[in-house]
Structures are given as structure tokens and as C-alpha cells.
Amino acid sequence: MRCLPGAFIDLARPDFSTCRGLDQFGNSIEITAGGTLGRCFQHETDHINGIVFGDRLPTRKRKQLYRDHNEVSDQYAADWPAR
């Protein structure tokens, strides 16, 4: 999936998430968060695993996402958001 500026579709996510890993000293750490921070954890963890939000959409919504993007894509530079 590529970057789709100008397109947005709601994606259902759990109300909270728990991330486990290591801190800068190698100690185990666990953080649980809800709300916006919990969604950010889920979003960024997906990126670490090579997943973008469109990959989680049902086929019909994914197709709508591309249609919405195509309607406004001429308003964005080809290298967006790199500028």
C-alpha cells in the first residue's frame, strides 16, 4: 500500500493497547494506554511489522479509500509528504 494523501476512512481499533519491550538499559518494560496514545501504539507497532492502516480495512472500505484518494490526488505533490 502506498501513501494516500487526502483519503481517510475510520478504522476500528481496540480501546487500549499494551506494548512490551526493553528500555535503554535492557530491562523489560510494559506500557498500557488507552485513547489516542493507545491508538498511536497500535499504529506504530503496525508500521514496525510492515502493516499500514489500509491493510486492516475490509475490501470494500479499502476500495473506497483509493477512490477518495484518486479524487483529490492532483492536489498533492508527487513526492508528498517529503517536501
Protein backbone atom coordinates (compact mmCIF):
# COMPACT_ATOMS: atom_id res chain seq x y z
CA MET A 1 0.00 0.00 0.00
CA ARG A 2 1.23 3.48 -0.77
CA CYS A 3 0.69 6.84 0.85
CA LEU A 4 -2.81 8.09 0.09
CA PRO A 5 -2.97 11.82 0.89
CA GLY A 6 -6.44 13.31 1.13
CA ALA A 7 -8.13 10.00 1.87
CA PHE A 8 -9.44 8.88 5.23
CA ILE A 9 -11.62 6.05 6.46
CA ASP A 10 -12.32 5.16 10.08
CA LEU A 11 -10.57 2.05 11.31
CA ALA A 12 -11.95 0.24 14.33
CA ARG A 13 -9.28 -0.48 16.92
CA PRO A 14 -9.39 -1.81 20.47
CA ASP A 15 -9.92 0.76 23.25
CA PHE A 16 -6.44 0.20 24.67
CA SER A 17 -3.16 -1.47 23.84
CA THR A 18 -0.24 -2.93 25.73
CA CYS A 19 3.31 -2.67 24.42
CA ARG A 20 6.12 -4.78 25.78
CA GLY A 21 9.80 -4.33 25.11
CA LEU A 22 13.10 -3.28 26.60
CA ASP A 23 14.18 0.09 27.90
CA GLN A 24 17.52 1.71 27.06
CA PHE A 25 19.20 -0.40 29.78
CA GLY A 26 17.83 -3.73 28.56
CA ASN A 27 15.22 -4.01 31.32
CA SER A 28 11.76 -5.34 30.46
CA ILE A 29 9.10 -2.68 30.20
CA GLU A 30 5.35 -2.84 29.67
CA ILE A 31 3.13 0.15 28.91
CA THR A 32 -0.66 0.04 28.63
CA ALA A 33 -2.52 3.02 27.23
CA GLY A 34 -5.99 3.91 26.00
CA GLY A 35 -7.39 6.73 23.95
CA THR A 36 -5.17 8.49 21.45
CA LEU A 37 -1.93 7.11 22.92
CA GLY A 38 -3.24 3.56 22.74
CA ARG A 39 -4.19 4.07 19.08
CA CYS A 40 -0.74 5.53 18.39
CA PHE A 41 0.89 2.45 19.94
CA GLN A 42 -1.19 0.21 17.69
CA HIS A 43 -0.49 2.33 14.60
CA GLU A 44 3.27 2.48 15.13
CA THR A 45 3.51 -1.20 16.07
CA ASP A 46 1.77 -1.99 12.79
CA HIS A 47 4.44 0.01 10.93
CA ILE A 48 7.19 -1.93 12.70
CA ASN A 49 5.52 -5.09 11.40
CA GLY A 50 5.16 -3.72 7.85
CA ILE A 51 1.42 -3.05 8.09
CA VAL A 52 -0.35 0.18 7.12
CA PHE A 53 -3.89 1.03 8.15
CA GLY A 54 -5.35 0.21 4.73
CA ASP A 55 -4.16 -3.38 5.17
CA ARG A 56 -6.59 -3.70 8.08
CA LEU A 57 -9.62 -2.46 6.13
CA PRO A 58 -12.23 -4.74 4.61
CA THR A 59 -12.01 -4.87 0.79
CA ARG A 60 -14.97 -2.52 0.23
CA LYS A 61 -13.56 0.16 2.53
CA ARG A 62 -10.07 -0.22 1.04
CA LYS A 63 -11.50 0.35 -2.46
CA GLN A 64 -13.35 3.44 -1.16
CA LEU A 65 -10.09 4.73 0.32
CA TYR A 66 -8.42 4.52 -3.11
CA ARG A 67 -11.41 6.18 -4.82
CA ASP A 68 -11.34 9.04 -2.31
CA HIS A 69 -7.61 9.47 -2.82
CA ASN A 70 -7.91 9.46 -6.62
CA GLU A 71 -10.49 12.27 -6.46
CA VAL A 72 -8.02 14.62 -4.71
CA SER A 73 -4.60 13.24 -5.63
CA ASP A 74 -3.92 16.07 -8.10
CA GLN A 75 -3.87 18.48 -5.14
CA TYR A 76 -0.73 16.83 -3.69
CA ALA A 77 2.84 16.87 -4.99
CA ALA A 78 4.07 13.53 -6.30
CA ASP A 79 6.68 13.38 -3.53
CA TRP A 80 4.25 14.30 -0.73
CA PRO A 81 4.95 14.41 2.24
CA ALA A 82 8.68 14.67 1.58
CA ARG A 83 8.61 18.36 0.75
